[in-house]
């Protein structure tokens, strides 16, 4: 992974989600580093949570099925509304999610390095400086580092504007799931 790959990932997501806030960039980098592991409390609870979320979502052909969230493409978001276009039973998605969680081991040092790339992007004169105040970015990062880089929710704005609904998978699990669904594996 190079700094340039992290920069490209951040810029790609900021272009796609114009209202991204500091917490959303953090969540992107956290998911790229730690994968989905923080969400698994047990299969039964994960299934109930996924089923409840799927019931509240309408299938959406406009939403991409697979979205890259990793500097080298190894981790993706698998969007539930797009999944529901192909299958209403969520067990395949849950299984891929659980296997993905078992395969990804996050590294706090990698998270710190990726966060520093973002901090550097927020320096005066750089691309994120206009709408991501450097002082706030630094404070946010220091607080999360002191907490050992915990998972966070999307910002309230992001949740209202984009209504995110996905599961984080490894690329391999996403490819395998697309094969089972008999749909092309296309990553945005």
C-alpha atoms as a PDB file:
ATOM      1  CA  UNK A   1       0.000   0.000   0.000  1.00  0.00           C
ATOM      2  CA  UNK A   2       1.288   3.402  -0.919  1.00  0.00           C
ATOM      3  CA  UNK A   3       0.228   6.808   0.337  1.00  0.00           C
ATOM      4  CA  UNK A   4      -0.971   7.556  -3.195  1.00  0.00           C
ATOM      5  CA  UNK A   5      -3.358   4.580  -3.071  1.00  0.00           C
ATOM      6  CA  UNK A   6      -4.817   5.843   0.215  1.00  0.00           C
ATOM      7  CA  UNK A   7      -5.137   9.343  -1.257  1.00  0.00           C
ATOM      8  CA  UNK A   8      -6.899   7.954  -4.341  1.00  0.00           C
ATOM      9  CA  UNK A   9      -9.306   5.983  -2.146  1.00  0.00           C
ATOM     10  CA  UNK A  10     -10.184   9.043  -0.080  1.00  0.00           C
ATOM     11  CA  UNK A  11     -10.658  11.253  -3.154  1.00  0.00           C
ATOM     12  CA  UNK A  12     -12.773   8.619  -4.908  1.00  0.00           C
ATOM     13  CA  UNK A  13     -15.125   8.385  -1.941  1.00  0.00           C
ATOM     14  CA  UNK A  14     -15.261  12.138  -1.404  1.00  0.00           C
ATOM     15  CA  UNK A  15     -16.237  12.534  -5.073  1.00  0.00           C
ATOM     16  CA  UNK A  16     -18.920   9.845  -4.737  1.00  0.00           C
ATOM     17  CA  UNK A  17     -20.213  11.097  -1.380  1.00  0.00           C
ATOM     18  CA  UNK A  18     -19.849  14.858  -1.526  1.00  0.00           C
ATOM     19  CA  UNK A  19     -21.110  15.312   2.024  1.00  0.00           C
ATOM     20  CA  UNK A  20     -18.484  13.140   3.692  1.00  0.00           C
ATOM     21  CA  UNK A  21     -17.402  14.447   7.052  1.00  0.00           C
ATOM     22  CA  UNK A  22     -14.344  13.616   9.135  1.00  0.00           C
ATOM     23  CA  UNK A  23     -16.107  10.664  10.797  1.00  0.00           C
ATOM     24  CA  UNK A  24     -16.972   9.220   7.378  1.00  0.00           C
ATOM     25  CA  UNK A  25     -13.371   9.354   6.180  1.00  0.00           C
ATOM     26  CA  UNK A  26     -12.351   7.742   9.459  1.00  0.00           C
ATOM     27  CA  UNK A  27     -14.960   4.996   8.974  1.00  0.00           C
ATOM     28  CA  UNK A  28     -13.709   4.369   5.434  1.00  0.00           C
ATOM     29  CA  UNK A  29     -10.110   4.026   6.621  1.00  0.00           C
ATOM     30  CA  UNK A  30     -11.180   1.945   9.632  1.00  0.00           C
ATOM     31  CA  UNK A  31     -13.107  -0.495   7.448  1.00  0.00           C
ATOM     32  CA  UNK A  32     -10.174  -0.668   5.025  1.00  0.00           C
ATOM     33  CA  UNK A  33      -7.895  -1.537   7.932  1.00  0.00           C
ATOM     34  CA  UNK A  34      -9.978  -3.669  10.277  1.00  0.00           C
ATOM     35  CA  UNK A  35     -12.640  -5.050   7.932  1.00  0.00           C
ATOM     36  CA  UNK A  36     -15.991  -6.125   9.397  1.00  0.00           C
ATOM     37  CA  UNK A  37     -14.753  -7.918  12.521  1.00  0.00           C
ATOM     38  CA  UNK A  38     -15.997  -5.371  15.035  1.00  0.00           C
ATOM     39  CA  UNK A  39     -19.596  -6.063  14.028  1.00  0.00           C
ATOM     40  CA  UNK A  40     -19.792  -9.812  14.705  1.00  0.00           C
ATOM     41  CA  UNK A  41     -21.274 -10.646  18.110  1.00  0.00           C
ATOM     42  CA  UNK A  42     -22.473 -14.106  17.073  1.00  0.00           C
ATOM     43  CA  UNK A  43     -24.262 -15.600  14.085  1.00  0.00           C
ATOM     44  CA  UNK A  44     -27.767 -15.356  15.564  1.00  0.00           C
ATOM     45  CA  UNK A  45     -27.438 -11.684  16.510  1.00  0.00           C
ATOM     46  CA  UNK A  46     -25.786 -10.855  13.171  1.00  0.00           C
ATOM     47  CA  UNK A  47     -28.593 -12.623  11.274  1.00  0.00           C
ATOM     48  CA  UNK A  48     -31.313 -10.812  13.220  1.00  0.00           C
ATOM     49  CA  UNK A  49     -29.622  -7.467  12.641  1.00  0.00           C
ATOM     50  CA  UNK A  50     -29.168  -8.145   8.911  1.00  0.00           C
ATOM     51  CA  UNK A  51     -32.747  -9.407   8.476  1.00  0.00           C
ATOM     52  CA  UNK A  52     -34.117  -6.368  10.291  1.00  0.00           C
ATOM     53  CA  UNK A  53     -32.059  -4.052   8.111  1.00  0.00           C
ATOM     54  CA  UNK A  54     -33.092  -5.867   4.913  1.00  0.00           C
ATOM     55  CA  UNK A  55     -36.790  -5.573   5.804  1.00  0.00           C
ATOM     56  CA  UNK A  56     -36.407  -1.786   6.112  1.00  0.00           C
ATOM     57  CA  UNK A  57     -34.706  -1.470   2.703  1.00  0.00           C
ATOM     58  CA  UNK A  58     -36.206  -1.507  -0.754  1.00  0.00           C
ATOM     59  CA  UNK A  59     -34.280  -3.194  -3.564  1.00  0.00           C
ATOM     60  CA  UNK A  60     -32.464  -0.535  -5.581  1.00  0.00           C
ATOM     61  CA  UNK A  61     -31.135  -1.177  -9.091  1.00  0.00           C
ATOM     62  CA  UNK A  62     -29.370   2.216  -9.088  1.00  0.00           C
ATOM     63  CA  UNK A  63     -27.066   1.299  -6.219  1.00  0.00           C
ATOM     64  CA  UNK A  64     -23.853  -0.568  -6.999  1.00  0.00           C
ATOM     65  CA  UNK A  65     -23.627  -4.071  -5.585  1.00  0.00           C
ATOM     66  CA  UNK A  66     -19.905  -3.868  -4.771  1.00  0.00           C
ATOM     67  CA  UNK A  67     -17.933  -0.770  -3.771  1.00  0.00           C
ATOM     68  CA  UNK A  68     -14.188  -0.700  -3.148  1.00  0.00           C
ATOM     69  CA  UNK A  69     -13.098   0.620   0.253  1.00  0.00           C
ATOM     70  CA  UNK A  70      -9.472  -0.548   0.340  1.00  0.00           C
ATOM     71  CA  UNK A  71      -6.329   1.088  -1.102  1.00  0.00           C
ATOM     72  CA  UNK A  72      -5.494  -2.090  -3.056  1.00  0.00           C
ATOM     73  CA  UNK A  73      -9.061  -3.368  -3.516  1.00  0.00           C
ATOM     74  CA  UNK A  74      -8.934  -6.175  -0.948  1.00  0.00           C
ATOM     75  CA  UNK A  75     -11.993  -5.083   1.060  1.00  0.00           C
ATOM     76  CA  UNK A  76     -15.371  -3.937  -0.276  1.00  0.00           C
ATOM     77  CA  UNK A  77     -18.810  -2.802   0.803  1.00  0.00           C
ATOM     78  CA  UNK A  78     -21.543  -5.137  -0.432  1.00  0.00           C
ATOM     79  CA  UNK A  79     -24.707  -3.031  -0.633  1.00  0.00           C
ATOM     80  CA  UNK A  80     -27.859  -4.603   0.782  1.00  0.00           C
ATOM     81  CA  UNK A  81     -30.382  -2.773  -1.435  1.00  0.00           C
ATOM     82  CA  UNK A  82     -28.551  -4.006  -4.541  1.00  0.00           C
ATOM     83  CA  UNK A  83     -28.254  -7.520  -3.060  1.00  0.00           C
ATOM     84  CA  UNK A  84     -32.030  -7.594  -2.562  1.00  0.00           C
ATOM     85  CA  UNK A  85     -32.455  -7.143  -6.330  1.00  0.00           C
ATOM     86  CA  UNK A  86     -31.047 -10.664  -6.723  1.00  0.00           C
ATOM     87  CA  UNK A  87     -32.014 -12.492  -3.542  1.00  0.00           C
ATOM     88  CA  UNK A  88     -34.256 -11.743  -0.568  1.00  0.00           C
ATOM     89  CA  UNK A  89     -32.784 -14.376   1.759  1.00  0.00           C
ATOM     90  CA  UNK A  90     -29.798 -12.769   3.486  1.00  0.00           C
ATOM     91  CA  UNK A  91     -28.040 -15.958   4.641  1.00  0.00           C
ATOM     92  CA  UNK A  92     -25.529 -15.977   1.776  1.00  0.00           C
ATOM     93  CA  UNK A  93     -24.577 -12.396   2.565  1.00  0.00           C
ATOM     94  CA  UNK A  94     -24.340 -13.190   6.269  1.00  0.00           C
ATOM     95  CA  UNK A  95     -22.077 -16.189   5.634  1.00  0.00           C
ATOM     96  CA  UNK A  96     -19.757 -14.094   3.451  1.00  0.00           C
ATOM     97  CA  UNK A  97     -19.749 -11.389   6.128  1.00  0.00           C
ATOM     98  CA  UNK A  98     -18.812 -13.834   8.903  1.00  0.00           C
ATOM     99  CA  UNK A  99     -16.080 -15.475   6.808  1.00  0.00           C
ATOM    100  CA  UNK A 100     -14.717 -12.030   5.937  1.00  0.00           C
ATOM    101  CA  UNK A 101     -14.585 -11.049   9.601  1.00  0.00           C
ATOM    102  CA  UNK A 102     -12.531 -14.156  10.344  1.00  0.00           C
ATOM    103  CA  UNK A 103     -10.087 -13.384   7.514  1.00  0.00           C
ATOM    104  CA  UNK A 104      -9.203  -9.757   8.271  1.00  0.00           C
ATOM    105  CA  UNK A 105      -6.902  -8.834  11.119  1.00  0.00           C
ATOM    106  CA  UNK A 106      -6.536  -5.121  11.477  1.00  0.00           C
ATOM    107  CA  UNK A 107      -3.322  -3.451  12.489  1.00  0.00           C
ATOM    108  CA  UNK A 108      -3.467  -0.264  14.596  1.00  0.00           C
ATOM    109  CA  UNK A 109      -0.161   0.890  13.130  1.00  0.00           C
ATOM    110  CA  UNK A 110      -1.577   0.655   9.606  1.00  0.00           C
ATOM    111  CA  UNK A 111      -4.620   2.632  10.737  1.00  0.00           C
ATOM    112  CA  UNK A 112      -2.358   5.310  12.215  1.00  0.00           C
ATOM    113  CA  UNK A 113      -0.391   5.544   8.959  1.00  0.00           C
ATOM    114  CA  UNK A 114      -3.548   5.804   6.858  1.00  0.00           C
ATOM    115  CA  UNK A 115      -4.979   8.443   9.176  1.00  0.00           C
ATOM    116  CA  UNK A 116      -1.768  10.454   8.873  1.00  0.00           C
ATOM    117  CA  UNK A 117      -2.142  10.413   5.079  1.00  0.00           C
ATOM    118  CA  UNK A 118      -5.588  11.972   5.575  1.00  0.00           C
ATOM    119  CA  UNK A 119      -4.201  14.529   8.050  1.00  0.00           C
ATOM    120  CA  UNK A 120      -1.605  15.497   5.440  1.00  0.00           C
ATOM    121  CA  UNK A 121      -4.385  15.936   2.845  1.00  0.00           C
ATOM    122  CA  UNK A 122      -5.991  18.459   5.183  1.00  0.00           C
ATOM    123  CA  UNK A 123      -2.886  20.643   5.435  1.00  0.00           C
ATOM    124  CA  UNK A 124      -3.345  24.161   4.009  1.00  0.00           C
ATOM    125  CA  UNK A 125      -3.130  24.112   0.236  1.00  0.00           C
ATOM    126  CA  UNK A 126      -4.079  20.438  -0.117  1.00  0.00           C
ATOM    127  CA  UNK A 127      -7.310  19.073  -1.576  1.00  0.00           C
ATOM    128  CA  UNK A 128      -9.177  18.416   1.674  1.00  0.00           C
ATOM    129  CA  UNK A 129      -8.130  21.618   3.429  1.00  0.00           C
ATOM    130  CA  UNK A 130     -11.154  23.665   2.369  1.00  0.00           C
ATOM    131  CA  UNK A 131     -13.840  21.519   3.987  1.00  0.00           C
ATOM    132  CA  UNK A 132     -11.947  19.360   6.492  1.00  0.00           C
ATOM    133  CA  UNK A 133     -10.483  21.689   9.149  1.00  0.00           C
ATOM    134  CA  UNK A 134      -7.008  20.465  10.065  1.00  0.00           C
ATOM    135  CA  UNK A 135      -7.471  21.140  13.777  1.00  0.00           C
ATOM    136  CA  UNK A 136     -10.682  19.068  13.887  1.00  0.00           C
ATOM    137  CA  UNK A 137      -9.092  16.262  11.873  1.00  0.00           C
ATOM    138  CA  UNK A 138      -6.120  16.124  14.243  1.00  0.00           C
ATOM    139  CA  UNK A 139      -8.342  16.184  17.347  1.00  0.00           C
ATOM    140  CA  UNK A 140     -10.606  13.471  15.953  1.00  0.00           C
ATOM    141  CA  UNK A 141      -7.602  11.283  15.139  1.00  0.00           C
ATOM    142  CA  UNK A 142      -5.937  11.823  18.517  1.00  0.00           C
ATOM    143  CA  UNK A 143      -9.137  10.876  20.326  1.00  0.00           C
ATOM    144  CA  UNK A 144      -9.639   7.718  18.261  1.00  0.00           C
ATOM    145  CA  UNK A 145      -5.972   6.726  18.623  1.00  0.00           C
ATOM    146  CA  UNK A 146      -6.239   7.118  22.412  1.00  0.00           C
ATOM    147  CA  UNK A 147      -9.259   4.784  22.242  1.00  0.00           C
ATOM    148  CA  UNK A 148      -7.227   2.262  20.176  1.00  0.00           C
ATOM    149  CA  UNK A 149      -8.953   3.097  16.883  1.00  0.00           C
ATOM    150  CA  UNK A 150     -12.543   1.976  17.617  1.00  0.00           C
ATOM    151  CA  UNK A 151     -15.264   1.583  15.021  1.00  0.00           C
ATOM    152  CA  UNK A 152     -17.573   4.591  14.607  1.00  0.00           C
ATOM    153  CA  UNK A 153     -20.878   5.271  12.884  1.00  0.00           C
ATOM    154  CA  UNK A 154     -21.238   7.368   9.763  1.00  0.00           C
ATOM    155  CA  UNK A 155     -21.880  11.038  10.470  1.00  0.00           C
ATOM    156  CA  UNK A 156     -25.535  12.059  10.913  1.00  0.00           C
ATOM    157  CA  UNK A 157     -25.349  13.962   7.616  1.00  0.00           C
ATOM    158  CA  UNK A 158     -24.014  10.916   5.753  1.00  0.00           C
ATOM    159  CA  UNK A 159     -26.703   8.718   7.284  1.00  0.00           C
ATOM    160  CA  UNK A 160     -29.490  11.110   6.222  1.00  0.00           C
ATOM    161  CA  UNK A 161     -28.118  11.852   2.757  1.00  0.00           C
ATOM    162  CA  UNK A 162     -27.029   8.369   1.697  1.00  0.00           C
ATOM    163  CA  UNK A 163     -28.847   5.959   4.063  1.00  0.00           C
ATOM    164  CA  UNK A 164     -25.894   3.551   4.013  1.00  0.00           C
ATOM    165  CA  UNK A 165     -26.837  -0.119   4.100  1.00  0.00           C
ATOM    166  CA  UNK A 166     -24.062  -2.605   3.421  1.00  0.00           C
ATOM    167  CA  UNK A 167     -21.826  -5.288   4.835  1.00  0.00           C
ATOM    168  CA  UNK A 168     -18.048  -5.173   4.624  1.00  0.00           C
ATOM    169  CA  UNK A 169     -16.555  -8.197   2.859  1.00  0.00           C
ATOM    170  CA  UNK A 170     -13.203  -9.312   1.570  1.00  0.00           C
ATOM    171  CA  UNK A 171     -12.861  -9.079  -2.183  1.00  0.00           C
ATOM    172  CA  UNK A 172     -12.671 -12.874  -2.419  1.00  0.00           C
ATOM    173  CA  UNK A 173     -15.914 -13.343  -0.469  1.00  0.00           C
ATOM    174  CA  UNK A 174     -17.634 -10.685  -2.588  1.00  0.00           C
ATOM    175  CA  UNK A 175     -16.489 -12.396  -5.801  1.00  0.00           C
ATOM    176  CA  UNK A 176     -17.724 -15.750  -4.527  1.00  0.00           C
ATOM    177  CA  UNK A 177     -21.058 -14.248  -3.499  1.00  0.00           C
ATOM    178  CA  UNK A 178     -21.499 -12.652  -6.933  1.00  0.00           C
ATOM    179  CA  UNK A 179     -20.882 -16.065  -8.517  1.00  0.00           C
ATOM    180  CA  UNK A 180     -23.575 -17.605  -6.293  1.00  0.00           C
ATOM    181  CA  UNK A 181     -25.942 -14.784  -7.238  1.00  0.00           C
ATOM    182  CA  UNK A 182     -25.027 -15.312 -10.908  1.00  0.00           C
ATOM    183  CA  UNK A 183     -24.184 -11.647 -11.378  1.00  0.00           C
ATOM    184  CA  UNK A 184     -20.993 -10.070 -12.713  1.00  0.00           C
ATOM    185  CA  UNK A 185     -18.429  -9.014 -10.151  1.00  0.00           C
ATOM    186  CA  UNK A 186     -18.188  -5.287 -10.882  1.00  0.00           C
ATOM    187  CA  UNK A 187     -16.544  -2.987  -8.371  1.00  0.00           C
ATOM    188  CA  UNK A 188     -17.107   0.767  -8.319  1.00  0.00           C
END
